C-alpha atoms as a PDB file:
ATOM      1  CA  MET A   1     -20.984  12.399 -21.310  1.00  0.00           C
ATOM      2  CA  MET A   2     -18.121   9.967 -21.825  1.00  0.00           C
ATOM      3  CA  ASP A   3     -18.142   7.095 -24.279  1.00  0.00           C
ATOM      4  CA  LYS A   4     -18.381   3.633 -22.690  1.00  0.00           C
ATOM      5  CA  TYR A   5     -14.968   2.724 -24.130  1.00  0.00           C
ATOM      6  CA  GLN A   6     -13.414   5.832 -22.539  1.00  0.00           C
ATOM      7  CA  ILE A   7     -14.801   4.857 -19.127  1.00  0.00           C
ATOM      8  CA  ILE A   8     -13.443   1.270 -19.145  1.00  0.00           C
ATOM      9  CA  LYS A   9      -9.760   1.463 -20.101  1.00  0.00           C
ATOM     10  CA  ALA A  10      -8.496  -2.099 -19.583  1.00  0.00           C
ATOM     11  CA  PRO A  11      -8.984  -5.216 -17.473  1.00  0.00           C
ATOM     12  CA  ILE A  12      -6.461  -5.711 -14.677  1.00  0.00           C
ATOM     13  CA  VAL A  13      -4.962  -9.199 -14.748  1.00  0.00           C
ATOM     14  CA  SER A  14      -3.012 -10.069 -11.616  1.00  0.00           C
ATOM     15  CA  GLU A  15      -2.872 -12.908  -9.126  1.00  0.00           C
ATOM     16  CA  LYS A  16      -5.342 -11.161  -6.831  1.00  0.00           C
ATOM     17  CA  SER A  17      -7.788 -10.236  -9.599  1.00  0.00           C
ATOM     18  CA  THR A  18      -7.692 -13.805 -10.952  1.00  0.00           C
ATOM     19  CA  LYS A  19      -8.728 -15.150  -7.536  1.00  0.00           C
ATOM     20  CA  LEU A  20     -11.511 -12.542  -7.345  1.00  0.00           C
ATOM     21  CA  ALA A  21     -12.758 -13.602 -10.799  1.00  0.00           C
ATOM     22  CA  GLU A  22     -13.568 -17.025  -9.344  1.00  0.00           C
ATOM     23  CA  MET A  23     -16.089 -15.221  -7.093  1.00  0.00           C
ATOM     24  CA  ARG A  24     -17.633 -13.297 -10.068  1.00  0.00           C
ATOM     25  CA  LYS A  25     -15.661 -10.123  -9.194  1.00  0.00           C
ATOM     26  CA  TYR A  26     -13.728  -8.552 -12.066  1.00  0.00           C
ATOM     27  CA  THR A  27     -11.213  -5.704 -11.853  1.00  0.00           C
ATOM     28  CA  PHE A  28     -10.900  -2.963 -14.473  1.00  0.00           C
ATOM     29  CA  GLU A  29      -8.863   0.205 -14.866  1.00  0.00           C
ATOM     30  CA  VAL A  30     -11.371   3.032 -15.262  1.00  0.00           C
ATOM     31  CA  ASP A  31     -11.382   6.756 -15.964  1.00  0.00           C
ATOM     32  CA  LYS A  32     -10.799   8.707 -12.766  1.00  0.00           C
ATOM     33  CA  ASN A  33     -13.790  10.988 -13.437  1.00  0.00           C
ATOM     34  CA  ALA A  34     -16.287   8.135 -13.941  1.00  0.00           C
ATOM     35  CA  ASN A  35     -18.800   7.347 -11.210  1.00  0.00           C
ATOM     36  CA  LYS A  36     -20.262   3.969 -10.196  1.00  0.00           C
ATOM     37  CA  ILE A  37     -23.409   4.360 -12.282  1.00  0.00           C
ATOM     38  CA  GLN A  38     -21.439   5.131 -15.458  1.00  0.00           C
ATOM     39  CA  ILE A  39     -19.099   2.181 -14.810  1.00  0.00           C
ATOM     40  CA  LYS A  40     -22.049  -0.178 -14.240  1.00  0.00           C
ATOM     41  CA  GLU A  41     -23.806   0.912 -17.449  1.00  0.00           C
ATOM     42  CA  ALA A  42     -20.584   0.636 -19.488  1.00  0.00           C
ATOM     43  CA  ILE A  43     -19.802  -2.905 -18.238  1.00  0.00           C
ATOM     44  CA  GLU A  44     -23.380  -4.074 -18.853  1.00  0.00           C
ATOM     45  CA  GLU A  45     -23.380  -2.628 -22.380  1.00  0.00           C
ATOM     46  CA  ILE A  46     -19.903  -3.826 -23.432  1.00  0.00           C
ATOM     47  CA  PHE A  47     -19.991  -7.366 -21.996  1.00  0.00           C
ATOM     48  CA  LYS A  48     -23.798  -7.993 -21.994  1.00  0.00           C
ATOM     49  CA  VAL A  49     -23.871  -9.023 -18.319  1.00  0.00           C
ATOM     50  CA  LYS A  50     -25.881  -8.049 -15.202  1.00  0.00           C
ATOM     51  CA  VAL A  51     -23.869  -6.068 -12.631  1.00  0.00           C
ATOM     52  CA  LEU A  52     -24.848  -6.279  -8.951  1.00  0.00           C
ATOM     53  CA  ASP A  53     -22.224  -4.044  -7.333  1.00  0.00           C
ATOM     54  CA  VAL A  54     -19.365  -1.679  -8.218  1.00  0.00           C
ATOM     55  CA  ASN A  55     -16.543  -0.774  -5.831  1.00  0.00           C
ATOM     56  CA  VAL A  56     -14.160   1.999  -6.925  1.00  0.00           C
ATOM     57  CA  ILE A  57     -10.569   2.301  -5.688  1.00  0.00           C
ATOM     58  CA  ASN A  58      -9.064   5.742  -6.320  1.00  0.00           C
ATOM     59  CA  GLY A  59      -5.286   5.621  -6.517  1.00  0.00           C
ATOM     60  CA  ILE A  60      -2.994   8.520  -5.722  1.00  0.00           C
ATOM     61  CA  PRO A  61      -0.071   9.762  -7.843  1.00  0.00           C
ATOM     62  CA  LYS A  62       3.232   8.194  -6.797  1.00  0.00           C
ATOM     63  CA  ALA A  63       6.448  10.205  -6.637  1.00  0.00           C
ATOM     64  CA  LYS A  64       9.234   8.803  -8.816  1.00  0.00           C
ATOM     65  CA  ARG A  65      12.833   9.861  -9.402  1.00  0.00           C
ATOM     66  CA  VAL A  66      15.237   9.238 -12.241  1.00  0.00           C
ATOM     67  CA  GLY A  67      18.602  10.619 -11.203  1.00  0.00           C
ATOM     68  CA  LYS A  68      18.167  14.237 -10.246  1.00  0.00           C
ATOM     69  CA  TYR A  69      14.792  14.528 -11.999  1.00  0.00           C
ATOM     70  CA  SER A  70      11.637  13.954 -10.007  1.00  0.00           C
ATOM     71  CA  GLY A  71       8.068  13.547 -11.144  1.00  0.00           C
ATOM     72  CA  PHE A  72       4.887  11.622 -10.541  1.00  0.00           C
ATOM     73  CA  LYS A  73       3.283   8.496 -11.954  1.00  0.00           C
ATOM     74  CA  PRO A  74      -0.327   9.268 -12.841  1.00  0.00           C
ATOM     75  CA  ALA A  75      -3.175   8.340 -10.502  1.00  0.00           C
ATOM     76  CA  VAL A  76      -4.993   5.136 -11.496  1.00  0.00           C
ATOM     77  CA  SER A  77      -8.599   4.357 -10.604  1.00  0.00           C
ATOM     78  CA  LYS A  78      -9.742   0.741 -10.433  1.00  0.00           C
ATOM     79  CA  ALA A  79     -13.238  -0.700 -10.303  1.00  0.00           C
ATOM     80  CA  VAL A  80     -14.121  -4.100  -8.834  1.00  0.00           C
ATOM     81  CA  VAL A  81     -17.364  -5.195 -10.505  1.00  0.00           C
ATOM     82  CA  THR A  82     -19.524  -7.972  -8.996  1.00  0.00           C
ATOM     83  CA  LEU A  83     -21.703  -9.860 -11.478  1.00  0.00           C
ATOM     84  CA  ALA A  84     -25.044 -11.549 -10.892  1.00  0.00           C
ATOM     85  CA  GLU A  85     -25.293 -15.327 -10.517  1.00  0.00           C
ATOM     86  CA  GLY A  86     -24.849 -17.134 -13.831  1.00  0.00           C
ATOM     87  CA  TYR A  87     -22.893 -14.373 -15.606  1.00  0.00           C
ATOM     88  CA  LYS A  88     -19.202 -14.509 -16.492  1.00  0.00           C
ATOM     89  CA  ILE A  89     -16.665 -12.355 -18.375  1.00  0.00           C
ATOM     90  CA  ASP A  90     -13.860 -14.096 -20.247  1.00  0.00           C
ATOM     91  CA  ILE A  91     -11.168 -11.413 -19.941  1.00  0.00           C
ATOM     92  CA  TYR A  92      -8.461 -13.455 -21.636  1.00  0.00           C
ATOM     93  CA  THR A  93     -10.277 -13.611 -24.993  1.00  0.00           C
ATOM     94  CA  ALA A  94     -12.346 -10.406 -24.823  1.00  0.00           C
END
């Protein structure tokens, strides 16, 4: 079993995720092997909040080139976590 801090890697701060945060939906980069139940338990334990819903977005590796060398950027999984009414996560100070 993974540690809760291995499951949740970092919050994603972008224009879109900031607008979603106004609707109690927070976006995090998560481990690609973590499932929704593990993500929910990790968020509830780390931030002491009540999670209603978890949506996972599995990214695919992107091909990149530098001159004649080609490779891939790693796949990134994101989780959009919806909190219950009255709960809030302050990502900027956490």
